[in-house]
């Protein structure tokens, strides 16, 4: 199988048969991702095909997947409860606060 670019879109040559992939996805996630894919000029099918090819090439997921450690889980739980969250009026204000934390 070989990929070629036609009119700015990547197409796969030599793909005579296809298989169907069905998945249940949260509607908002689906909508958000489809908008991003549209901006990239890709269909959902093309994105899934790229993802599957990367899994095959990497012999696993093409990104690290890790189980959060105890400290990370504790932080997730606290922020889910709305604890320890900070808000800022600007990026500059946020970065100033981060700089103070690192000093």
N, C-alpha and C. Protein backbone atom coordinates (compact mmCIF):
# COMPACT_ATOMS: atom_id res chain seq x y z
N UNK A 1 0.85 -1.17 0.00
CA UNK A 1 0.00 0.00 0.00
C UNK A 1 0.90 1.23 0.00
N UNK A 2 0.51 2.26 -0.75
CA UNK A 2 1.33 3.44 -0.91
C UNK A 2 0.43 4.67 -0.81
N UNK A 3 0.92 5.70 -0.07
CA UNK A 3 0.15 6.93 0.07
C UNK A 3 0.64 7.95 -0.94
N UNK A 4 -0.31 8.63 -1.58
CA UNK A 4 0.03 9.69 -2.52
C UNK A 4 -0.80 10.92 -2.18
N UNK A 5 -0.31 12.08 -2.56
CA UNK A 5 -1.05 13.30 -2.28
C UNK A 5 -1.73 13.78 -3.56
N UNK A 6 -3.07 13.98 -3.47
CA UNK A 6 -3.86 14.45 -4.59
C UNK A 6 -4.66 15.65 -4.11
N UNK A 7 -4.50 16.78 -4.78
CA UNK A 7 -5.23 18.02 -4.44
C UNK A 7 -5.10 18.35 -2.96
N UNK A 8 -3.89 18.20 -2.42
CA UNK A 8 -3.65 18.57 -1.03
C UNK A 8 -4.11 17.54 -0.02
N UNK A 9 -4.66 16.41 -0.47
CA UNK A 9 -5.11 15.37 0.46
C UNK A 9 -4.34 14.10 0.21
N UNK A 10 -4.06 13.38 1.28
CA UNK A 10 -3.34 12.11 1.16
C UNK A 10 -4.34 10.99 0.85
N UNK A 11 -4.01 10.20 -0.13
CA UNK A 11 -4.84 9.05 -0.53
C UNK A 11 -3.97 7.81 -0.52
N UNK A 12 -4.59 6.69 -0.25
CA UNK A 12 -3.86 5.43 -0.22
C UNK A 12 -4.15 4.67 -1.49
N UNK A 13 -3.08 4.29 -2.21
CA UNK A 13 -3.23 3.49 -3.42
C UNK A 13 -3.14 2.02 -3.06
N UNK A 14 -3.84 1.22 -3.78
CA UNK A 14 -3.74 -0.22 -3.58
C UNK A 14 -4.66 -0.75 -2.49
N UNK A 15 -5.57 0.09 -2.00
CA UNK A 15 -6.48 -0.35 -0.96
C UNK A 15 -7.77 -0.80 -1.63
N UNK A 16 -7.88 -2.09 -1.93
CA UNK A 16 -9.03 -2.60 -2.65
C UNK A 16 -10.21 -2.89 -1.73
N UNK A 17 -9.94 -3.42 -0.56
CA UNK A 17 -11.01 -3.76 0.37
C UNK A 17 -10.85 -2.95 1.64
N UNK A 18 -11.95 -2.74 2.32
CA UNK A 18 -11.90 -2.02 3.59
C UNK A 18 -12.67 -2.81 4.64
N UNK A 19 -12.38 -2.50 5.89
CA UNK A 19 -13.10 -3.08 7.02
C UNK A 19 -13.74 -1.92 7.78
N UNK A 20 -14.78 -2.20 8.49
CA UNK A 20 -15.49 -1.17 9.25
C UNK A 20 -15.02 -1.18 10.70
N UNK A 21 -14.78 0.02 11.22
CA UNK A 21 -14.45 0.20 12.64
C UNK A 21 -15.60 0.98 13.25
N UNK A 22 -16.17 0.45 14.31
CA UNK A 22 -17.27 1.13 15.00
C UNK A 22 -16.83 1.44 16.41
N UNK A 23 -17.10 2.65 16.87
CA UNK A 23 -16.73 3.04 18.23
C UNK A 23 -17.74 4.04 18.77
N UNK A 24 -17.95 3.99 20.05
CA UNK A 24 -18.82 4.96 20.71
C UNK A 24 -17.92 6.06 21.29
N UNK A 25 -18.22 7.30 20.93
CA UNK A 25 -17.42 8.45 21.34
C UNK A 25 -18.36 9.50 21.92
N UNK A 26 -17.90 10.19 22.96
CA UNK A 26 -18.68 11.27 23.53
C UNK A 26 -18.95 12.30 22.42
N UNK A 27 -20.20 12.75 22.27
CA UNK A 27 -20.56 13.64 21.17
C UNK A 27 -19.71 14.91 21.08
N UNK A 28 -19.42 15.54 22.21
CA UNK A 28 -18.63 16.78 22.16
C UNK A 28 -17.20 16.50 21.70
N UNK A 29 -16.61 15.41 22.18
CA UNK A 29 -15.26 15.03 21.74
C UNK A 29 -15.25 14.81 20.23
N UNK A 30 -16.25 14.08 19.75
CA UNK A 30 -16.35 13.80 18.31
C UNK A 30 -16.43 15.10 17.51
N UNK A 31 -17.29 15.99 17.94
CA UNK A 31 -17.47 17.26 17.24
C UNK A 31 -16.19 18.10 17.26
N UNK A 32 -15.56 18.21 18.42
CA UNK A 32 -14.32 18.99 18.53
C UNK A 32 -13.23 18.43 17.63
N UNK A 33 -13.08 17.12 17.64
CA UNK A 33 -12.03 16.49 16.83
C UNK A 33 -12.34 16.62 15.34
N UNK A 34 -13.59 16.45 14.95
CA UNK A 34 -13.94 16.58 13.54
C UNK A 34 -13.67 18.00 13.03
N UNK A 35 -13.88 19.01 13.87
CA UNK A 35 -13.56 20.39 13.47
C UNK A 35 -12.06 20.55 13.25
N UNK A 36 -11.27 19.99 14.15
CA UNK A 36 -9.80 20.06 14.00
C UNK A 36 -9.35 19.31 12.76
N UNK A 37 -9.91 18.12 12.55
CA UNK A 37 -9.54 17.34 11.37
C UNK A 37 -9.91 18.09 10.09
N UNK A 38 -11.06 18.74 10.08
CA UNK A 38 -11.47 19.52 8.91
C UNK A 38 -10.45 20.61 8.61
N UNK A 39 -9.95 21.28 9.67
CA UNK A 39 -8.94 22.32 9.47
C UNK A 39 -7.65 21.73 8.91
N UNK A 40 -7.38 20.46 9.23
CA UNK A 40 -6.20 19.78 8.71
C UNK A 40 -6.44 19.20 7.32
N UNK A 41 -7.69 19.24 6.86
CA UNK A 41 -8.02 18.68 5.56
C UNK A 41 -8.13 17.17 5.58
N UNK A 42 -8.47 16.62 6.73
CA UNK A 42 -8.56 15.16 6.88
C UNK A 42 -9.97 14.76 7.29
N UNK A 43 -10.37 13.60 6.84
CA UNK A 43 -11.63 13.01 7.30
C UNK A 43 -11.35 12.17 8.54
N UNK A 44 -12.41 11.80 9.23
CA UNK A 44 -12.27 10.92 10.38
C UNK A 44 -11.66 9.59 9.95
N UNK A 45 -12.08 9.08 8.81
CA UNK A 45 -11.55 7.81 8.29
C UNK A 45 -10.05 7.93 8.04
N UNK A 46 -9.63 9.04 7.44
CA UNK A 46 -8.20 9.23 7.18
C UNK A 46 -7.40 9.30 8.48
N UNK A 47 -7.95 10.00 9.49
CA UNK A 47 -7.26 10.12 10.77
C UNK A 47 -7.14 8.76 11.46
N UNK A 48 -8.21 7.97 11.42
CA UNK A 48 -8.17 6.64 12.02
C UNK A 48 -7.16 5.76 11.29
N UNK A 49 -7.11 5.88 9.97
CA UNK A 49 -6.15 5.10 9.19
C UNK A 49 -4.72 5.48 9.56
N UNK A 50 -4.45 6.78 9.70
CA UNK A 50 -3.12 7.23 10.13
C UNK A 50 -2.80 6.65 11.51
N UNK A 51 -3.75 6.74 12.43
CA UNK A 51 -3.56 6.22 13.79
C UNK A 51 -3.25 4.72 13.76
N UNK A 52 -4.02 3.95 13.02
CA UNK A 52 -3.78 2.51 12.92
C UNK A 52 -2.41 2.21 12.31
N UNK A 53 -2.03 2.97 11.28
CA UNK A 53 -0.71 2.77 10.68
C UNK A 53 0.40 3.07 11.68
N UNK A 54 0.23 4.11 12.48
CA UNK A 54 1.23 4.44 13.50
C UNK A 54 1.32 3.35 14.57
N UNK A 55 0.18 2.78 14.95
CA UNK A 55 0.19 1.68 15.91
C UNK A 55 0.98 0.50 15.34
N UNK A 56 0.73 0.22 14.07
CA UNK A 56 1.45 -0.89 13.44
C UNK A 56 2.95 -0.59 13.37
N UNK A 57 3.32 0.62 12.95
CA UNK A 57 4.74 0.98 12.85
C UNK A 57 5.45 0.96 14.20
N UNK A 58 4.76 1.44 15.24
CA UNK A 58 5.36 1.51 16.57
C UNK A 58 5.23 0.20 17.35
N UNK A 59 4.43 -0.70 16.81
CA UNK A 59 4.12 -1.95 17.52
C UNK A 59 3.51 -1.66 18.89
N UNK A 60 2.68 -0.65 18.93
CA UNK A 60 2.00 -0.22 20.15
C UNK A 60 1.45 1.18 19.91
N UNK A 61 0.92 1.78 20.95
CA UNK A 61 0.40 3.13 20.81
C UNK A 61 1.53 4.09 20.48
N UNK A 62 1.29 5.07 19.61
CA UNK A 62 2.35 5.98 19.20
C UNK A 62 2.62 7.12 20.19
N UNK A 63 2.23 6.93 21.43
CA UNK A 63 2.47 7.90 22.49
C UNK A 63 2.46 7.15 23.81
N UNK A 64 3.13 7.70 24.83
CA UNK A 64 3.17 6.99 26.11
C UNK A 64 1.81 7.03 26.82
N UNK A 65 1.44 5.92 27.40
CA UNK A 65 0.24 5.84 28.23
C UNK A 65 0.69 5.33 29.59
N UNK A 66 0.47 6.15 30.59
CA UNK A 66 0.95 5.80 31.92
C UNK A 66 -0.18 5.88 32.93
N UNK A 67 -0.10 5.05 33.94
CA UNK A 67 -1.04 5.10 35.04
C UNK A 67 -0.56 6.19 35.99
N UNK A 68 -1.43 7.14 36.34
CA UNK A 68 -1.00 8.23 37.22
C UNK A 68 -0.52 7.70 38.58
N UNK A 69 0.55 8.32 39.11
CA UNK A 69 1.03 7.92 40.43
C UNK A 69 0.10 8.50 41.49
N UNK A 70 0.36 8.18 42.75
CA UNK A 70 -0.53 8.58 43.85
C UNK A 70 -0.66 10.10 43.94
N UNK A 71 0.44 10.83 43.78
CA UNK A 71 0.38 12.30 43.88
C UNK A 71 -0.47 12.89 42.76
N UNK A 72 -0.32 12.35 41.56
CA UNK A 72 -1.10 12.85 40.42
C UNK A 72 -2.58 12.54 40.63
N UNK A 73 -2.89 11.32 41.09
CA UNK A 73 -4.30 10.97 41.35
C UNK A 73 -4.90 11.89 42.40
N UNK A 74 -4.13 12.17 43.45
CA UNK A 74 -4.61 13.05 44.52
C UNK A 74 -4.89 14.45 43.97
N UNK A 75 -4.02 14.94 43.10
CA UNK A 75 -4.22 16.25 42.48
C UNK A 75 -5.45 16.26 41.59
N UNK A 76 -5.63 15.21 40.77
CA UNK A 76 -6.83 15.10 39.93
C UNK A 76 -8.09 15.13 40.78
N UNK A 77 -8.10 14.37 41.86
CA UNK A 77 -9.28 14.31 42.73
C UNK A 77 -9.58 15.68 43.34
N UNK A 78 -8.52 16.38 43.79
CA UNK A 78 -8.70 17.71 44.39
C UNK A 78 -9.24 18.70 43.37
N UNK A 79 -8.68 18.71 42.17
CA UNK A 79 -9.15 19.67 41.17
C UNK A 79 -10.56 19.32 40.69
N UNK A 80 -10.90 18.04 40.67
CA UNK A 80 -12.27 17.65 40.32
C UNK A 80 -13.26 18.21 41.34
N UNK A 81 -12.81 18.37 42.59
CA UNK A 81 -13.65 18.96 43.64
C UNK A 81 -13.57 20.49 43.63
N UNK A 82 -12.74 21.04 42.75
CA UNK A 82 -12.59 22.49 42.66
C UNK A 82 -11.58 23.05 43.64
N UNK A 83 -10.77 22.19 44.24
CA UNK A 83 -9.78 22.63 45.22
C UNK A 83 -8.43 22.90 44.55
N UNK A 84 -7.74 23.92 45.05
CA UNK A 84 -6.39 24.20 44.57
C UNK A 84 -6.32 24.78 43.17
N UNK A 85 -7.43 25.29 42.67
CA UNK A 85 -7.45 25.88 41.34
C UNK A 85 -7.15 27.36 41.43
N UNK A 86 -6.50 27.90 40.43
CA UNK A 86 -6.18 29.32 40.37
C UNK A 86 -6.68 29.86 39.03
N UNK A 87 -7.13 31.09 39.04
CA UNK A 87 -7.52 31.72 37.78
C UNK A 87 -6.77 33.04 37.64
N UNK A 88 -6.56 33.43 36.40
CA UNK A 88 -5.79 34.63 36.11
C UNK A 88 -6.49 35.43 35.03
N UNK A 89 -6.24 36.72 35.04
CA UNK A 89 -6.86 37.61 34.05
C UNK A 89 -6.09 37.64 32.75
N UNK A 90 -4.82 37.18 32.78
CA UNK A 90 -4.01 37.21 31.57
C UNK A 90 -2.92 36.15 31.66
N UNK A 91 -2.34 35.84 30.51
CA UNK A 91 -1.21 34.91 30.49
C UNK A 91 -0.02 35.49 31.25
N UNK A 92 0.20 36.79 31.12
CA UNK A 92 1.31 37.41 31.84
C UNK A 92 1.16 37.22 33.35
N UNK A 93 -0.05 37.40 33.85
CA UNK A 93 -0.31 37.22 35.27
C UNK A 93 -0.07 35.76 35.68
N UNK A 94 -0.48 34.83 34.85
CA UNK A 94 -0.26 33.41 35.15
C UNK A 94 1.24 33.09 35.19
N UNK A 95 1.99 33.59 34.19
CA UNK A 95 3.42 33.30 34.16
C UNK A 95 4.15 33.96 35.31
N UNK A 96 3.73 35.12 35.74
CA UNK A 96 4.32 35.76 36.91
C UNK A 96 4.13 34.89 38.15
N UNK A 97 2.92 34.36 38.31
CA UNK A 97 2.64 33.48 39.44
C UNK A 97 3.48 32.21 39.37
N UNK A 98 3.63 31.65 38.18
CA UNK A 98 4.46 30.44 38.01
C UNK A 98 5.92 30.74 38.33
N UNK A 99 6.40 31.90 37.90
CA UNK A 99 7.79 32.28 38.20
C UNK A 99 8.00 32.37 39.71
N UNK A 100 7.03 32.90 40.44
CA UNK A 100 7.14 33.00 41.90
C UNK A 100 7.20 31.62 42.55
N UNK A 101 6.47 30.67 41.98
CA UNK A 101 6.47 29.31 42.52
C UNK A 101 7.82 28.61 42.32
N UNK A 102 8.48 28.91 41.22
CA UNK A 102 9.74 28.21 40.91
C UNK A 102 10.93 28.83 41.59
N UNK A 103 10.79 30.01 42.19
CA UNK A 103 11.91 30.66 42.88
C UNK A 103 11.99 30.28 44.31
